[in-house]
């Protein structure tokens, strides 16, 4: 555990304020749910809660199935990081922070693809040049953008068609329904 040197007191209602610098660094915003854990040694751990991590097995299986069906590499992300990868290097993508573009697509709540635009970065800080085709389908559960299904390739001979577009859309819809049930 990393010490911050910041000490806070608990108020009379049992609340503790998480300092602004820490919230900013961890991308914790007002209204974000936090999960509370108690370690064996008595430490209290706060972890940003994402419903997608509760269904990680389903997400991983769906990514594999989508890759085998389409031949396109697949990443499935929550609103911050890549949770599942199929058909591409896990070291390159898994647990990496998503790019601003992927976050933007989720905020816009509309499918984006390279059918009309040039490829964009998938993970923060990378170059988009390596990709030739991409589809990003936001996962919308109970009116919240909670993640995205991302299909991509670096093979210039593969082209996105309406089939891949519909499969990405279906995957996002399926995962959203799994989260709300």
Protein backbone atom coordinates (compact mmCIF):
# COMPACT_ATOMS: atom_id res chain seq x y z
CA UNK A 1 0.00 0.00 0.00
CA UNK A 2 1.24 3.50 -0.84
CA UNK A 3 1.14 6.10 1.94
CA UNK A 4 -0.10 9.55 0.95
CA UNK A 5 0.70 11.42 4.15
CA UNK A 6 -2.89 12.69 4.22
CA UNK A 7 -4.90 12.13 7.40
CA UNK A 8 -8.65 12.72 7.68
CA UNK A 9 -10.98 12.52 10.67
CA UNK A 10 -14.33 10.75 10.67
CA UNK A 11 -17.22 13.16 11.25
CA UNK A 12 -20.16 12.56 13.61
CA UNK A 13 -22.07 10.74 10.82
CA UNK A 14 -19.19 8.34 10.14
CA UNK A 15 -18.08 10.05 6.91
CA UNK A 16 -14.54 10.51 5.64
CA UNK A 17 -13.66 12.91 2.85
CA UNK A 18 -11.44 11.45 0.15
CA UNK A 19 -9.03 14.24 -0.86
CA UNK A 20 -9.58 15.86 -4.26
CA UNK A 21 -6.08 14.88 -5.50
CA UNK A 22 -6.75 11.20 -4.80
CA UNK A 23 -10.22 11.32 -6.39
CA UNK A 24 -8.73 12.99 -9.47
CA UNK A 25 -5.87 10.47 -9.80
CA UNK A 26 -8.25 7.50 -9.42
CA UNK A 27 -10.98 9.03 -11.63
CA UNK A 28 -13.52 8.92 -8.81
CA UNK A 29 -16.38 11.33 -9.40
CA UNK A 30 -19.35 12.40 -7.32
CA UNK A 31 -21.92 9.62 -7.32
CA UNK A 32 -19.44 6.84 -8.20
CA UNK A 33 -20.09 3.70 -6.14
CA UNK A 34 -17.27 2.43 -3.91
CA UNK A 35 -17.01 -1.10 -2.60
CA UNK A 36 -15.79 -1.50 0.98
CA UNK A 37 -13.54 -4.39 2.02
CA UNK A 38 -12.14 -5.26 5.44
CA UNK A 39 -8.76 -6.99 5.39
CA UNK A 40 -7.77 -9.60 7.97
CA UNK A 41 -5.40 -7.15 9.61
CA UNK A 42 -8.26 -4.66 10.15
CA UNK A 43 -7.48 -2.37 7.22
CA UNK A 44 -10.42 -0.85 5.38
CA UNK A 45 -10.06 -0.84 1.60
CA UNK A 46 -12.21 1.27 -0.70
CA UNK A 47 -12.38 0.14 -4.31
CA UNK A 48 -14.22 1.81 -7.14
CA UNK A 49 -17.11 -0.49 -7.96
CA UNK A 50 -17.90 -1.50 -11.50
CA UNK A 51 -20.69 -3.94 -12.24
CA UNK A 52 -18.68 -5.28 -15.20
CA UNK A 53 -16.10 -6.88 -12.89
CA UNK A 54 -18.88 -8.87 -11.21
CA UNK A 55 -19.46 -10.69 -14.49
CA UNK A 56 -15.86 -11.07 -15.64
CA UNK A 57 -16.32 -14.73 -16.67
CA UNK A 58 -19.21 -13.82 -18.98
CA UNK A 59 -17.25 -10.88 -20.40
CA UNK A 60 -14.19 -13.06 -21.13
CA UNK A 61 -16.27 -15.81 -22.76
CA UNK A 62 -18.16 -13.29 -24.86
CA UNK A 63 -14.92 -11.67 -26.04
CA UNK A 64 -13.57 -15.10 -27.09
CA UNK A 65 -16.79 -16.00 -28.89
CA UNK A 66 -16.90 -12.67 -30.72
CA UNK A 67 -13.28 -13.08 -31.80
CA UNK A 68 -13.89 -16.62 -33.10
CA UNK A 69 -17.04 -15.50 -34.92
CA UNK A 70 -15.66 -12.35 -36.58
CA UNK A 71 -11.91 -12.89 -36.82
CA UNK A 72 -11.49 -9.36 -35.42
CA UNK A 73 -9.60 -8.81 -32.18
CA UNK A 74 -11.90 -7.91 -29.29
CA UNK A 75 -11.53 -5.80 -26.16
CA UNK A 76 -14.28 -5.27 -23.64
CA UNK A 77 -13.87 -2.32 -21.31
CA UNK A 78 -15.61 -0.80 -18.35
CA UNK A 79 -15.60 3.00 -18.14
CA UNK A 80 -11.89 3.09 -17.26
CA UNK A 81 -9.90 -0.01 -18.28
CA UNK A 82 -9.84 -3.00 -20.61
CA UNK A 83 -11.36 -6.00 -18.78
CA UNK A 84 -11.19 -8.71 -21.46
CA UNK A 85 -9.10 -9.33 -24.57
CA UNK A 86 -9.39 -11.96 -27.30
CA UNK A 87 -7.36 -12.27 -30.49
CA UNK A 88 -4.72 -9.75 -29.37
CA UNK A 89 -1.92 -9.54 -26.82
CA UNK A 90 -3.29 -9.49 -23.29
CA UNK A 91 -0.06 -7.80 -22.15
CA UNK A 92 -0.71 -4.96 -24.56
CA UNK A 93 -4.36 -4.32 -23.63
CA UNK A 94 -5.56 -6.04 -20.44
CA UNK A 95 -6.02 -3.70 -17.46
CA UNK A 96 -4.81 -0.71 -19.51
CA UNK A 97 -6.62 2.60 -19.27
CA UNK A 98 -8.97 3.32 -22.18
CA UNK A 99 -8.30 6.24 -24.53
CA UNK A 100 -10.20 9.49 -24.44
CA UNK A 101 -11.85 8.45 -27.70
CA UNK A 102 -13.33 5.26 -26.21
CA UNK A 103 -14.57 7.27 -23.20
CA UNK A 104 -16.09 9.82 -25.60
CA UNK A 105 -17.93 7.10 -27.56
CA UNK A 106 -19.37 5.76 -24.31
CA UNK A 107 -20.48 9.26 -23.26
CA UNK A 108 -22.10 9.80 -26.66
CA UNK A 109 -23.95 6.44 -26.32
CA UNK A 110 -23.70 5.71 -30.05
CA UNK A 111 -21.74 3.10 -32.00
CA UNK A 112 -18.64 4.46 -33.70
CA UNK A 113 -16.64 2.78 -36.47
CA UNK A 114 -13.99 3.34 -39.11
CA UNK A 115 -16.66 3.00 -41.79
CA UNK A 116 -16.77 6.83 -41.79
CA UNK A 117 -13.69 7.92 -39.80
CA UNK A 118 -10.00 7.13 -39.39
CA UNK A 119 -8.89 4.69 -36.64
CA UNK A 120 -8.44 6.08 -33.13
CA UNK A 121 -6.39 4.93 -30.12
CA UNK A 122 -7.93 2.24 -27.93
CA UNK A 123 -5.70 2.61 -24.89
CA UNK A 124 -4.43 5.84 -23.42
CA UNK A 125 -1.21 7.13 -24.95
CA UNK A 126 -0.99 4.81 -27.94
CA UNK A 127 -0.85 5.67 -31.64
CA UNK A 128 -3.90 4.90 -33.78
CA UNK A 129 -1.76 4.23 -36.87
CA UNK A 130 -1.44 0.51 -36.14
CA UNK A 131 -5.19 -0.12 -36.52
CA UNK A 132 -6.88 -0.45 -39.89
CA UNK A 133 -10.49 -1.07 -38.83
CA UNK A 134 -12.41 -0.52 -35.58
CA UNK A 135 -15.89 -0.61 -34.11
CA UNK A 136 -16.76 0.68 -30.63
CA UNK A 137 -20.20 -0.20 -29.26
CA UNK A 138 -21.06 1.35 -25.88
CA UNK A 139 -22.66 -0.87 -23.25
CA UNK A 140 -25.65 1.01 -21.84
CA UNK A 141 -27.24 -0.45 -18.71
CA UNK A 142 -30.13 1.31 -16.97
CA UNK A 143 -29.36 4.54 -18.87
CA UNK A 144 -25.69 4.55 -17.80
CA UNK A 145 -22.74 3.99 -20.12
CA UNK A 146 -20.89 1.26 -18.22
CA UNK A 147 -18.45 -0.02 -20.83
CA UNK A 148 -17.76 -0.76 -24.47
CA UNK A 149 -17.27 -3.64 -26.87
CA UNK A 150 -14.34 -2.90 -29.20
CA UNK A 151 -13.61 -4.86 -32.39
CA UNK A 152 -10.42 -4.05 -34.26
CA UNK A 153 -7.77 -5.31 -36.65
CA UNK A 154 -4.31 -4.36 -37.82
CA UNK A 155 -4.70 -6.47 -40.97
CA UNK A 156 -5.34 -4.16 -43.92
CA UNK A 157 -7.00 -6.97 -45.89
CA UNK A 158 -9.87 -7.23 -43.35
CA UNK A 159 -12.74 -4.80 -43.71
CA UNK A 160 -15.63 -4.04 -41.41
CA UNK A 161 -19.03 -4.85 -42.82
CA UNK A 162 -22.54 -4.40 -41.46
CA UNK A 163 -22.27 -7.94 -40.04
CA UNK A 164 -19.45 -6.98 -37.64
CA UNK A 165 -21.25 -3.73 -36.86
CA UNK A 166 -24.40 -5.64 -35.87
CA UNK A 167 -22.42 -8.24 -33.89
CA UNK A 168 -20.70 -5.50 -31.86
CA UNK A 169 -24.06 -3.85 -31.26
CA UNK A 170 -25.59 -7.19 -30.21
CA UNK A 171 -22.68 -7.94 -27.87
CA UNK A 172 -23.08 -4.57 -26.15
CA UNK A 173 -26.83 -5.09 -25.80
CA UNK A 174 -26.37 -8.63 -24.46
CA UNK A 175 -23.80 -7.52 -21.84
CA UNK A 176 -26.03 -4.63 -20.77
CA UNK A 177 -28.96 -7.02 -20.25
CA UNK A 178 -26.73 -9.38 -18.24
CA UNK A 179 -25.78 -6.53 -15.94
CA UNK A 180 -29.35 -5.44 -15.27
CA UNK A 181 -30.65 -8.94 -14.55
